[in-house]
Amino acid sequence: GPPPVDLVKSKLILTSDMQYGERIRNREPDQKPAKLYDFKGVGILKENNDERDYSAYINMTSLEKIIKEEEKNNRNEQYRGISGYNTDEYNSIKVKCSKIELVSSVQETIKAMGFQAYSLTDMIESVKKQSRTMQGILGGIGAVSLFVAAIGITNTMIMSIYERTREIGVIKVLGADIKDIKKMFLIEAGLIGFIGGIIGLLLSYSISLILNKVGSHLTGGSNISVIPIYLALGSVIFASIVGIISGYSPARRAMNLSALEAIRSE
């Protein structure tokens, strides 16, 4: 619901102590009450889910007038030793770059001057490092899966040769070129990899769609998983190449079979 206090229409009070305008019951005799400064709100910043949501801003000129007045009343002496208050120093300074590409160089320049500097690029680098680690782990899992798939294709092609030994012999007797027999098995192996790549791509898009629908509520509508077209096409081509490479040895085996022994086999 709406806040109980209208920060724009209501009168705002600023004090230099931590009493927030309340009366101190057991106040020391020489302790004077803090002066109250009236202010008027001119607007409310948009919510950003960061520290600015819990802060109020004041014009620098008005703040300097209040500080000078408090210095005259010597009320700020009790805060100097506690908070390190100094009118000649700033707790922090925000630097805005004209381009995001300049952030890293400006940050390094500020650090070289002896100051601490922090930017969102530090968080981005941390996220990138975690992402690279995750990619390495997933890449290792993918490599193992690829190796297992290659063994499976090779085994399938070898079994195909054993089951079609007589057919290979008949093809050779009919005068088929040995290279054509090799090409036939390589094409079959490539088709196995191609079809497997298509099936894997469809599963990937399905899982990506589910992740984006479930995660859109957590990320404010942005997609968690994105599969570019070039990556999809590249994966299918790569799967086909793996199939051809895996079928090369069985294809050579079929090419080197003796025609007479192949025909005699049952």
Protein backbone atom coordinates (compact mmCIF):
# COMPACT_ATOMS: atom_id res chain seq x y z
CA GLY A 1 0.00 0.00 0.00
CA PRO A 2 0.97 3.68 -0.06
CA PRO A 3 3.42 4.91 2.62
CA PRO A 4 1.85 6.49 5.74
CA VAL A 5 3.79 9.72 5.15
CA ASP A 6 3.81 11.75 1.96
CA LEU A 7 7.49 12.68 1.59
CA VAL A 8 6.75 15.37 -0.97
CA LYS A 9 3.84 17.21 0.68
CA SER A 10 4.82 16.67 4.34
CA LYS A 11 7.33 18.83 6.21
CA LEU A 12 10.70 17.15 6.71
CA ILE A 13 13.01 17.82 9.68
CA LEU A 14 16.79 17.41 9.63
CA THR A 15 18.99 17.30 12.76
CA SER A 16 22.73 17.05 13.30
CA ASP A 17 22.49 14.43 16.09
CA MET A 18 20.97 10.97 16.34
CA GLN A 19 17.87 12.03 18.30
CA TYR A 20 15.82 12.76 15.18
CA GLY A 21 14.11 15.71 16.83
CA GLU A 22 12.99 13.81 19.96
CA ARG A 23 13.40 15.31 23.44
CA ILE A 24 16.09 13.88 25.70
CA ARG A 25 14.70 13.22 29.20
CA ASN A 26 18.00 12.76 31.05
CA ARG A 27 19.91 15.45 29.19
CA GLU A 28 23.12 16.85 30.65
CA PRO A 29 22.87 20.44 31.90
CA ASP A 30 25.38 21.71 29.35
CA GLN A 31 23.93 19.64 26.52
CA LYS A 32 21.90 21.83 24.23
CA PRO A 33 19.16 20.38 22.07
CA ALA A 34 20.07 20.04 18.40
CA LYS A 35 18.70 22.62 16.06
CA LEU A 36 15.94 21.48 13.74
CA TYR A 37 16.11 22.31 10.05
CA ASP A 38 12.94 22.28 7.97
CA PHE A 39 13.08 20.86 4.48
CA LYS A 40 10.66 20.15 1.68
CA GLY A 41 10.77 17.08 -0.48
CA VAL A 42 10.85 17.72 -4.21
CA GLY A 43 10.61 14.16 -5.53
CA ILE A 44 11.13 10.45 -4.96
CA LEU A 45 13.73 8.47 -6.86
CA LYS A 46 12.69 5.37 -8.77
CA GLU A 47 13.26 2.10 -6.91
CA ASN A 48 16.55 0.44 -7.94
CA ASN A 49 16.95 -2.30 -5.30
CA ASP A 50 20.23 -0.87 -4.06
CA GLU A 51 21.50 1.45 -1.31
CA ARG A 52 19.89 4.49 -2.93
CA ASP A 53 16.48 3.17 -1.93
CA TYR A 54 17.40 3.79 1.72
CA SER A 55 19.01 7.20 1.27
CA ALA A 56 17.91 10.81 1.11
CA TYR A 57 19.67 13.51 -0.92
CA ILE A 58 20.15 17.17 -0.12
CA ASN A 59 21.51 20.11 -2.07
CA MET A 60 25.25 20.56 -1.45
CA THR A 61 24.94 24.29 -0.81
CA SER A 62 22.25 23.77 1.84
CA LEU A 63 24.32 21.05 3.50
CA GLU A 64 27.40 23.27 3.66
CA LYS A 65 25.35 26.01 5.34
CA ILE A 66 24.16 23.56 7.99
CA ILE A 67 27.69 22.31 8.61
CA LYS A 68 29.03 25.84 9.03
CA GLU A 69 26.23 26.70 11.43
CA GLU A 70 26.92 23.59 13.48
CA GLU A 71 30.61 24.43 13.56
CA LYS A 72 29.78 27.83 15.01
CA ASN A 73 27.73 26.18 17.72
CA ASN A 74 30.62 23.74 18.39
CA ARG A 75 28.15 20.88 18.36
CA ASN A 76 30.13 18.85 15.88
CA GLU A 77 33.15 18.55 18.25
CA GLN A 78 31.66 15.51 19.97
CA TYR A 79 31.40 13.72 16.62
CA ARG A 80 34.90 14.41 15.30
CA GLY A 81 36.65 11.70 17.33
CA ILE A 82 33.86 9.16 16.85
CA SER A 83 33.05 9.25 13.15
CA GLY A 84 36.17 10.98 11.82
CA TYR A 85 34.04 13.84 10.56
CA ASN A 86 35.96 16.32 8.43
CA THR A 87 34.49 18.99 6.21
CA ASP A 88 37.51 18.77 3.87
CA GLU A 89 37.00 15.08 3.09
CA TYR A 90 34.40 12.94 1.32
CA ASN A 91 33.43 9.42 2.32
CA SER A 92 33.07 8.38 -1.30
CA ILE A 93 33.03 9.81 -4.81
CA LYS A 94 31.12 8.43 -7.77
CA VAL A 95 32.77 8.69 -11.18
CA LYS A 96 30.64 8.36 -14.31
CA CYS A 97 32.29 7.31 -17.58
CA SER A 98 31.05 8.35 -20.99
CA LYS A 99 31.52 4.81 -22.35
CA ILE A 100 31.38 1.43 -20.62
CA GLU A 101 34.64 0.47 -22.33
CA LEU A 102 36.45 3.17 -20.33
CA VAL A 103 35.37 1.91 -16.90
CA SER A 104 38.27 -0.52 -16.41
CA SER A 105 40.95 1.99 -17.45
CA VAL A 106 39.45 4.76 -15.28
CA GLN A 107 39.23 2.37 -12.34
CA GLU A 108 42.89 1.39 -12.73
CA THR A 109 43.87 5.08 -12.93
CA ILE A 110 42.07 5.80 -9.66
CA LYS A 111 43.75 2.82 -7.99
CA ALA A 112 47.14 4.04 -9.23
CA MET A 113 46.45 7.34 -7.41
CA GLY A 114 46.25 5.39 -4.13
CA PHE A 115 42.47 5.21 -3.74
CA GLN A 116 40.19 2.23 -3.52
CA ALA A 117 37.92 1.90 -6.52
CA TYR A 118 35.00 -0.42 -7.17
CA SER A 119 32.78 -0.81 -10.20
CA LEU A 120 30.26 -3.27 -11.56
CA THR A 121 32.99 -4.59 -13.86
CA ASP A 122 34.47 -6.31 -10.78
CA MET A 123 31.22 -8.22 -10.35
CA ILE A 124 31.11 -8.94 -14.08
CA GLU A 125 34.64 -10.36 -13.98
CA SER A 126 33.66 -12.56 -11.03
CA VAL A 127 30.60 -13.80 -12.90
CA LYS A 128 32.71 -14.42 -16.02
CA LYS A 129 35.21 -16.43 -13.97
CA GLN A 130 32.43 -18.56 -12.50
CA SER A 131 30.96 -18.93 -15.98
CA ARG A 132 34.31 -20.10 -17.38
CA THR A 133 34.60 -22.64 -14.57
CA MET A 134 31.09 -23.89 -15.25
CA GLN A 135 31.81 -24.05 -18.98
CA GLY A 136 34.94 -26.09 -18.28
CA ILE A 137 32.97 -28.57 -16.17
CA LEU A 138 30.19 -28.83 -18.75
CA GLY A 139 32.79 -29.09 -21.50
CA GLY A 140 34.40 -32.04 -19.72
CA ILE A 141 31.02 -33.74 -19.37
CA GLY A 142 30.31 -33.03 -23.04
CA ALA A 143 33.69 -34.47 -24.08
CA VAL A 144 32.97 -37.71 -22.21
CA SER A 145 29.51 -37.87 -23.79
CA LEU A 146 31.04 -37.24 -27.22
CA PHE A 147 33.57 -40.03 -26.70
CA VAL A 148 30.83 -42.45 -25.64
CA ALA A 149 28.71 -41.42 -28.65
CA ALA A 150 31.66 -41.98 -31.02
CA ILE A 151 32.21 -45.46 -29.58
CA GLY A 152 28.50 -46.17 -30.01
CA ILE A 153 28.56 -45.12 -33.68
CA THR A 154 31.68 -47.21 -34.33
CA ASN A 155 30.12 -50.22 -32.65
CA THR A 156 26.90 -49.77 -34.66
CA MET A 157 28.80 -49.62 -37.94
CA ILE A 158 30.91 -52.70 -37.09
CA MET A 159 27.77 -54.66 -36.23
CA SER A 160 26.25 -53.45 -39.50
CA ILE A 161 29.24 -54.84 -41.40
CA TYR A 162 28.96 -58.21 -39.66
CA GLU A 163 25.24 -58.39 -40.46
CA ARG A 164 25.75 -57.32 -44.09
CA THR A 165 28.93 -59.23 -44.89
CA ARG A 166 27.20 -61.34 -47.54
CA GLU A 167 25.66 -58.17 -49.05
CA ILE A 168 29.09 -56.57 -49.25
CA GLY A 169 30.43 -59.66 -51.01
CA VAL A 170 27.63 -59.60 -53.58
CA ILE A 171 28.24 -55.89 -54.24
CA LYS A 172 31.94 -56.58 -54.87
CA VAL A 173 31.20 -59.51 -57.20
CA LEU A 174 28.83 -57.32 -59.22
CA GLY A 175 31.76 -55.03 -59.89
CA ALA A 176 31.16 -52.18 -57.46
CA ASP A 177 34.17 -49.96 -56.88
CA ILE A 178 35.88 -50.46 -53.53
CA LYS A 179 35.82 -46.70 -52.89
CA ASP A 180 32.05 -46.67 -53.46
CA ILE A 181 31.63 -49.29 -50.73
CA LYS A 182 33.71 -47.12 -48.42
CA LYS A 183 31.64 -44.04 -49.28
CA MET A 184 28.41 -45.95 -48.63
CA PHE A 185 29.40 -46.79 -45.07
CA LEU A 186 30.81 -43.33 -44.44
CA ILE A 187 27.51 -41.80 -45.61
CA GLU A 188 25.60 -44.11 -43.28
CA ALA A 189 27.83 -43.16 -40.36
CA GLY A 190 27.43 -39.47 -41.23
CA LEU A 191 23.64 -39.87 -41.34
CA ILE A 192 23.69 -41.49 -37.91
CA GLY A 193 25.62 -38.49 -36.54
CA PHE A 194 23.37 -36.03 -38.41
CA ILE A 195 20.13 -37.57 -37.11
CA GLY A 196 21.58 -37.76 -33.61
CA GLY A 197 22.56 -34.09 -33.83
CA ILE A 198 19.03 -33.12 -34.92
CA ILE A 199 17.48 -35.07 -32.04
CA GLY A 200 19.92 -33.52 -29.55
CA LEU A 201 19.20 -30.06 -30.94
CA LEU A 202 15.45 -30.52 -30.53
CA LEU A 203 15.96 -31.70 -26.94
CA SER A 204 18.21 -28.70 -26.25
CA TYR A 205 15.63 -26.23 -27.56
CA SER A 206 12.91 -27.95 -25.51
CA ILE A 207 14.96 -27.77 -22.30
CA SER A 208 15.93 -24.15 -23.09
CA LEU A 209 12.27 -23.22 -23.54
CA ILE A 210 11.35 -24.80 -20.19
CA LEU A 211 14.23 -23.03 -18.40
CA ASN A 212 13.25 -19.65 -19.83
CA LYS A 213 9.60 -20.07 -18.85
CA VAL A 214 10.46 -21.16 -15.31
CA GLY A 215 13.31 -18.66 -14.81
CA SER A 216 11.55 -15.64 -16.33
CA HIS A 217 9.79 -15.03 -13.00
CA LEU A 218 13.17 -14.85 -11.23
CA THR A 219 15.02 -12.72 -13.78
CA GLY A 220 12.29 -10.21 -14.56
CA GLY A 221 11.41 -11.63 -17.97
CA SER A 222 14.93 -12.09 -19.37
CA ASN A 223 15.96 -15.42 -20.87
CA ILE A 224 18.29 -17.73 -18.95
CA SER A 225 19.16 -19.97 -21.89
CA VAL A 226 19.93 -18.69 -25.41
CA ILE A 227 20.92 -20.97 -28.30
CA PRO A 228 22.14 -18.94 -31.30
CA ILE A 229 21.45 -20.17 -34.84
CA TYR A 230 25.16 -20.53 -35.64
CA LEU A 231 25.63 -22.71 -32.56
CA ALA A 232 22.65 -24.91 -33.54
CA LEU A 233 23.92 -25.38 -37.10
CA GLY A 234 27.47 -25.90 -35.88
CA SER A 235 26.40 -28.63 -33.46
CA VAL A 236 24.57 -30.57 -36.21
CA ILE A 237 27.55 -30.26 -38.56
CA PHE A 238 29.93 -31.29 -35.79
CA ALA A 239 27.77 -34.34 -34.95
CA SER A 240 27.84 -35.36 -38.62
CA ILE A 241 31.63 -35.01 -38.74
CA VAL A 242 31.98 -37.11 -35.58
CA GLY A 243 29.78 -39.76 -37.20
CA ILE A 244 31.93 -39.83 -40.35
CA ILE A 245 35.16 -40.05 -38.33
CA SER A 246 33.70 -42.84 -36.16
CA GLY A 247 32.61 -44.77 -39.25
CA TYR A 248 35.94 -44.47 -41.06
CA SER A 249 37.52 -47.57 -39.52
CA PRO A 250 34.44 -49.80 -40.11
CA ALA A 251 34.24 -48.49 -43.69
CA ARG A 252 37.84 -49.52 -44.35
CA ARG A 253 37.08 -52.92 -42.83
CA ALA A 254 34.15 -53.34 -45.25
CA MET A 255 36.32 -52.21 -48.15
CA ASN A 256 39.04 -54.80 -47.37
CA LEU A 257 36.69 -57.77 -47.00
CA SER A 258 37.33 -60.65 -49.40
CA ALA A 259 34.41 -61.05 -51.85
CA LEU A 260 34.46 -64.90 -51.81
CA GLU A 261 34.69 -65.14 -48.02
CA ALA A 262 31.91 -62.57 -47.69
CA ILE A 263 29.58 -64.56 -50.00
CA ARG A 264 30.30 -67.82 -48.12
CA SER A 265 29.53 -66.27 -44.72
CA GLU A 266 26.10 -66.84 -43.20
